[in-house]
Amino acid sequence: MQSEYSNNPLTEVALALSMAFFSIMVLSIFALSQTDTKLKSTSSLKINSSSSQKNDQKNKREIIFYFKKGFYNKNFKKWNLDNIPKSDTRYFLAVPSEISVKELFEIKSLVKNIDVKITQKNKEWADAFNNKFRKGTNK
């Protein structure tokens, strides 16, 4: 006894797709169950005080500030881009929040030869710069 659907090509395609879906589901369940055991073993990794990763100086950056078309260090001293020592020093450049996109791109082109990450200046530093340069002690 044969069914009228046994020779239908769409029935064969549907069967193949359902088998593929089932295979992917089984593999996904297996993969998800394996990542849980890996996470438990790596969560026990601890960095002690003598670890080289903790004392690595490569992760540290010096901070510089952009204020009124000039660059300054954290001591409010003028920072000259031409006199940067050729070293592996990395920097954070804090810019004001009200800076235009055009000016930001101009700054980025000025510091393109330096390893620098640009961030937004926080309120405390912005107030400190405004107070410092409002008094006229900008040297």
C-alpha atoms as a PDB file:
ATOM      1  CA  MET A   1       0.000   0.000   0.000  1.00  0.00           C
ATOM      2  CA  GLN A   2       1.520   3.318  -1.064  1.00  0.00           C
ATOM      3  CA  SER A   3       0.539   6.759   0.050  1.00  0.00           C
ATOM      4  CA  GLU A   4      -0.173   9.479  -2.478  1.00  0.00           C
ATOM      5  CA  TYR A   5       2.531  11.678  -0.788  1.00  0.00           C
ATOM      6  CA  SER A   6       5.409   9.207  -0.927  1.00  0.00           C
ATOM      7  CA  ASN A   7       6.733  10.439  -4.262  1.00  0.00           C
ATOM      8  CA  ASN A   8       6.109  14.163  -3.651  1.00  0.00           C
ATOM      9  CA  PRO A   9       9.391  16.174  -3.791  1.00  0.00           C
ATOM     10  CA  LEU A  10       8.109  18.755  -1.320  1.00  0.00           C
ATOM     11  CA  THR A  11       7.642  16.035   1.285  1.00  0.00           C
ATOM     12  CA  GLU A  12      11.286  15.051   0.887  1.00  0.00           C
ATOM     13  CA  VAL A  13      12.428  18.688   1.236  1.00  0.00           C
ATOM     14  CA  ALA A  14      10.335  19.167   4.367  1.00  0.00           C
ATOM     15  CA  LEU A  15      11.789  15.996   5.890  1.00  0.00           C
ATOM     16  CA  ALA A  16      15.354  17.116   5.114  1.00  0.00           C
ATOM     17  CA  LEU A  17      14.760  20.570   6.626  1.00  0.00           C
ATOM     18  CA  SER A  18      13.286  19.098   9.795  1.00  0.00           C
ATOM     19  CA  MET A  19      16.291  16.782  10.175  1.00  0.00           C
ATOM     20  CA  ALA A  20      18.683  19.715   9.704  1.00  0.00           C
ATOM     21  CA  PHE A  21      16.806  21.789  12.286  1.00  0.00           C
ATOM     22  CA  PHE A  22      16.908  18.919  14.768  1.00  0.00           C
ATOM     23  CA  SER A  23      20.672  18.483  14.230  1.00  0.00           C
ATOM     24  CA  ILE A  24      21.334  22.192  14.808  1.00  0.00           C
ATOM     25  CA  MET A  25      19.189  22.122  17.943  1.00  0.00           C
ATOM     26  CA  VAL A  26      21.101  19.161  19.386  1.00  0.00           C
ATOM     27  CA  LEU A  27      24.467  20.787  18.600  1.00  0.00           C
ATOM     28  CA  SER A  28      23.345  24.082  20.176  1.00  0.00           C
ATOM     29  CA  ILE A  29      22.244  22.384  23.369  1.00  0.00           C
ATOM     30  CA  PHE A  30      25.549  20.531  23.549  1.00  0.00           C
ATOM     31  CA  ALA A  31      27.580  23.711  22.924  1.00  0.00           C
ATOM     32  CA  LEU A  32      25.670  25.700  25.546  1.00  0.00           C
ATOM     33  CA  SER A  33      26.141  23.010  28.148  1.00  0.00           C
ATOM     34  CA  GLN A  34      29.903  22.953  27.486  1.00  0.00           C
ATOM     35  CA  THR A  35      30.450  26.732  27.879  1.00  0.00           C
ATOM     36  CA  ASP A  36      29.005  26.605  31.380  1.00  0.00           C
ATOM     37  CA  THR A  37      31.760  24.262  32.565  1.00  0.00           C
ATOM     38  CA  LYS A  38      34.460  26.410  30.924  1.00  0.00           C
ATOM     39  CA  LEU A  39      33.227  29.573  32.661  1.00  0.00           C
ATOM     40  CA  LYS A  40      33.394  27.906  36.057  1.00  0.00           C
ATOM     41  CA  SER A  41      37.026  26.940  35.568  1.00  0.00           C
ATOM     42  CA  THR A  42      38.141  30.377  34.307  1.00  0.00           C
ATOM     43  CA  SER A  43      36.290  32.261  37.036  1.00  0.00           C
ATOM     44  CA  SER A  44      38.730  30.846  39.573  1.00  0.00           C
ATOM     45  CA  LEU A  45      41.638  32.673  37.912  1.00  0.00           C
ATOM     46  CA  LYS A  46      43.081  35.258  40.294  1.00  0.00           C
ATOM     47  CA  ILE A  47      45.730  37.907  39.800  1.00  0.00           C
ATOM     48  CA  ASN A  48      47.979  38.235  42.807  1.00  0.00           C
ATOM     49  CA  SER A  49      49.981  41.321  43.760  1.00  0.00           C
ATOM     50  CA  SER A  50      53.159  40.011  42.097  1.00  0.00           C
ATOM     51  CA  SER A  51      51.421  39.331  38.786  1.00  0.00           C
ATOM     52  CA  SER A  52      52.991  40.922  35.718  1.00  0.00           C
ATOM     53  CA  GLN A  53      49.553  41.862  34.342  1.00  0.00           C
ATOM     54  CA  LYS A  54      48.761  43.953  37.392  1.00  0.00           C
ATOM     55  CA  ASN A  55      52.071  45.817  37.325  1.00  0.00           C
ATOM     56  CA  ASP A  56      52.112  46.282  33.566  1.00  0.00           C
ATOM     57  CA  GLN A  57      52.849  49.888  32.700  1.00  0.00           C
ATOM     58  CA  LYS A  58      51.379  49.488  29.204  1.00  0.00           C
ATOM     59  CA  ASN A  59      47.883  49.763  30.634  1.00  0.00           C
ATOM     60  CA  LYS A  60      48.522  53.193  32.140  1.00  0.00           C
ATOM     61  CA  ARG A  61      47.944  56.428  30.278  1.00  0.00           C
ATOM     62  CA  GLU A  62      48.831  60.013  31.049  1.00  0.00           C
ATOM     63  CA  ILE A  63      46.033  62.523  30.873  1.00  0.00           C
ATOM     64  CA  ILE A  64      46.166  65.717  28.843  1.00  0.00           C
ATOM     65  CA  PHE A  65      43.437  68.311  28.393  1.00  0.00           C
ATOM     66  CA  TYR A  66      42.216  70.393  25.478  1.00  0.00           C
ATOM     67  CA  PHE A  67      41.127  73.856  26.589  1.00  0.00           C
ATOM     68  CA  LYS A  68      40.661  76.995  24.459  1.00  0.00           C
ATOM     69  CA  LYS A  69      42.632  75.750  21.436  1.00  0.00           C
ATOM     70  CA  GLY A  70      45.540  74.521  23.592  1.00  0.00           C
ATOM     71  CA  PHE A  71      46.774  71.346  25.231  1.00  0.00           C
ATOM     72  CA  TYR A  72      47.563  71.182  28.955  1.00  0.00           C
ATOM     73  CA  ASN A  73      48.808  68.586  31.424  1.00  0.00           C
ATOM     74  CA  LYS A  74      47.158  67.855  34.765  1.00  0.00           C
ATOM     75  CA  ASN A  75      49.233  70.595  36.421  1.00  0.00           C
ATOM     76  CA  PHE A  76      47.765  73.253  34.058  1.00  0.00           C
ATOM     77  CA  LYS A  77      51.080  73.598  32.218  1.00  0.00           C
ATOM     78  CA  LYS A  78      50.942  74.252  28.469  1.00  0.00           C
ATOM     79  CA  TRP A  79      51.634  71.030  26.564  1.00  0.00           C
ATOM     80  CA  ASN A  80      53.433  71.482  23.258  1.00  0.00           C
ATOM     81  CA  LEU A  81      52.786  68.836  20.599  1.00  0.00           C
ATOM     82  CA  ASP A  82      56.152  69.562  18.947  1.00  0.00           C
ATOM     83  CA  ASN A  83      58.163  68.724  22.081  1.00  0.00           C
ATOM     84  CA  ILE A  84      56.676  65.308  22.800  1.00  0.00           C
ATOM     85  CA  PRO A  85      59.405  62.820  23.681  1.00  0.00           C
ATOM     86  CA  LYS A  86      59.577  59.846  21.357  1.00  0.00           C
ATOM     87  CA  SER A  87      58.585  57.158  23.836  1.00  0.00           C
ATOM     88  CA  ASP A  88      55.932  54.528  24.300  1.00  0.00           C
ATOM     89  CA  THR A  89      53.841  56.838  26.469  1.00  0.00           C
ATOM     90  CA  ARG A  90      50.121  56.566  25.923  1.00  0.00           C
ATOM     91  CA  TYR A  91      47.662  59.364  26.600  1.00  0.00           C
ATOM     92  CA  PHE A  92      44.056  60.197  27.352  1.00  0.00           C
ATOM     93  CA  LEU A  93      42.954  63.476  25.802  1.00  0.00           C
ATOM     94  CA  ALA A  94      40.038  65.039  27.675  1.00  0.00           C
ATOM     95  CA  VAL A  95      37.998  67.448  25.584  1.00  0.00           C
ATOM     96  CA  PRO A  96      35.096  69.680  26.642  1.00  0.00           C
ATOM     97  CA  SER A  97      31.583  68.320  26.167  1.00  0.00           C
ATOM     98  CA  GLU A  98      30.506  71.313  24.086  1.00  0.00           C
ATOM     99  CA  ILE A  99      33.191  70.799  21.420  1.00  0.00           C
ATOM    100  CA  SER A 100      32.076  70.733  17.780  1.00  0.00           C
ATOM    101  CA  VAL A 101      32.580  67.697  15.586  1.00  0.00           C
ATOM    102  CA  LYS A 102      34.714  69.741  13.179  1.00  0.00           C
ATOM    103  CA  GLU A 103      37.038  70.813  15.989  1.00  0.00           C
ATOM    104  CA  LEU A 104      37.202  67.245  17.279  1.00  0.00           C
ATOM    105  CA  PHE A 105      38.381  66.014  13.877  1.00  0.00           C
ATOM    106  CA  GLU A 106      40.967  68.811  13.765  1.00  0.00           C
ATOM    107  CA  ILE A 107      42.301  67.729  17.166  1.00  0.00           C
ATOM    108  CA  LYS A 108      42.392  64.103  16.043  1.00  0.00           C
ATOM    109  CA  SER A 109      44.488  65.076  13.010  1.00  0.00           C
ATOM    110  CA  LEU A 110      46.904  67.008  15.249  1.00  0.00           C
ATOM    111  CA  VAL A 111      47.521  64.019  17.532  1.00  0.00           C
ATOM    112  CA  LYS A 112      47.534  61.303  14.873  1.00  0.00           C
ATOM    113  CA  ASN A 113      51.181  60.368  15.578  1.00  0.00           C
ATOM    114  CA  ILE A 114      50.534  59.848  19.298  1.00  0.00           C
ATOM    115  CA  ASP A 115      48.873  56.877  20.970  1.00  0.00           C
ATOM    116  CA  VAL A 116      45.885  58.778  22.340  1.00  0.00           C
ATOM    117  CA  LYS A 117      42.307  57.989  23.313  1.00  0.00           C
ATOM    118  CA  ILE A 118      39.868  60.865  23.366  1.00  0.00           C
ATOM    119  CA  THR A 119      37.439  61.182  26.249  1.00  0.00           C
ATOM    120  CA  GLN A 120      35.103  63.824  27.625  1.00  0.00           C
ATOM    121  CA  LYS A 121      36.380  66.146  30.336  1.00  0.00           C
ATOM    122  CA  ASN A 122      34.449  65.719  33.570  1.00  0.00           C
ATOM    123  CA  LYS A 123      32.796  68.633  35.388  1.00  0.00           C
ATOM    124  CA  GLU A 124      35.472  68.931  38.070  1.00  0.00           C
ATOM    125  CA  TRP A 125      38.292  69.354  35.552  1.00  0.00           C
ATOM    126  CA  ALA A 126      36.222  71.756  33.425  1.00  0.00           C
ATOM    127  CA  ASP A 127      35.518  73.907  36.487  1.00  0.00           C
ATOM    128  CA  ALA A 128      39.178  73.773  37.517  1.00  0.00           C
ATOM    129  CA  PHE A 129      40.332  74.973  34.089  1.00  0.00           C
ATOM    130  CA  ASN A 130      37.697  77.715  33.981  1.00  0.00           C
ATOM    131  CA  ASN A 131      38.680  78.943  37.459  1.00  0.00           C
ATOM    132  CA  LYS A 132      42.398  78.753  36.729  1.00  0.00           C
ATOM    133  CA  PHE A 133      42.215  80.718  33.494  1.00  0.00           C
ATOM    134  CA  ARG A 134      39.536  83.156  34.673  1.00  0.00           C
ATOM    135  CA  LYS A 135      42.017  84.489  37.246  1.00  0.00           C
ATOM    136  CA  GLY A 136      44.558  85.173  34.524  1.00  0.00           C
ATOM    137  CA  THR A 137      47.156  82.663  35.737  1.00  0.00           C
ATOM    138  CA  ASN A 138      47.432  80.797  32.463  1.00  0.00           C
ATOM    139  CA  LYS A 139      51.202  80.444  32.338  1.00  0.00           C
END
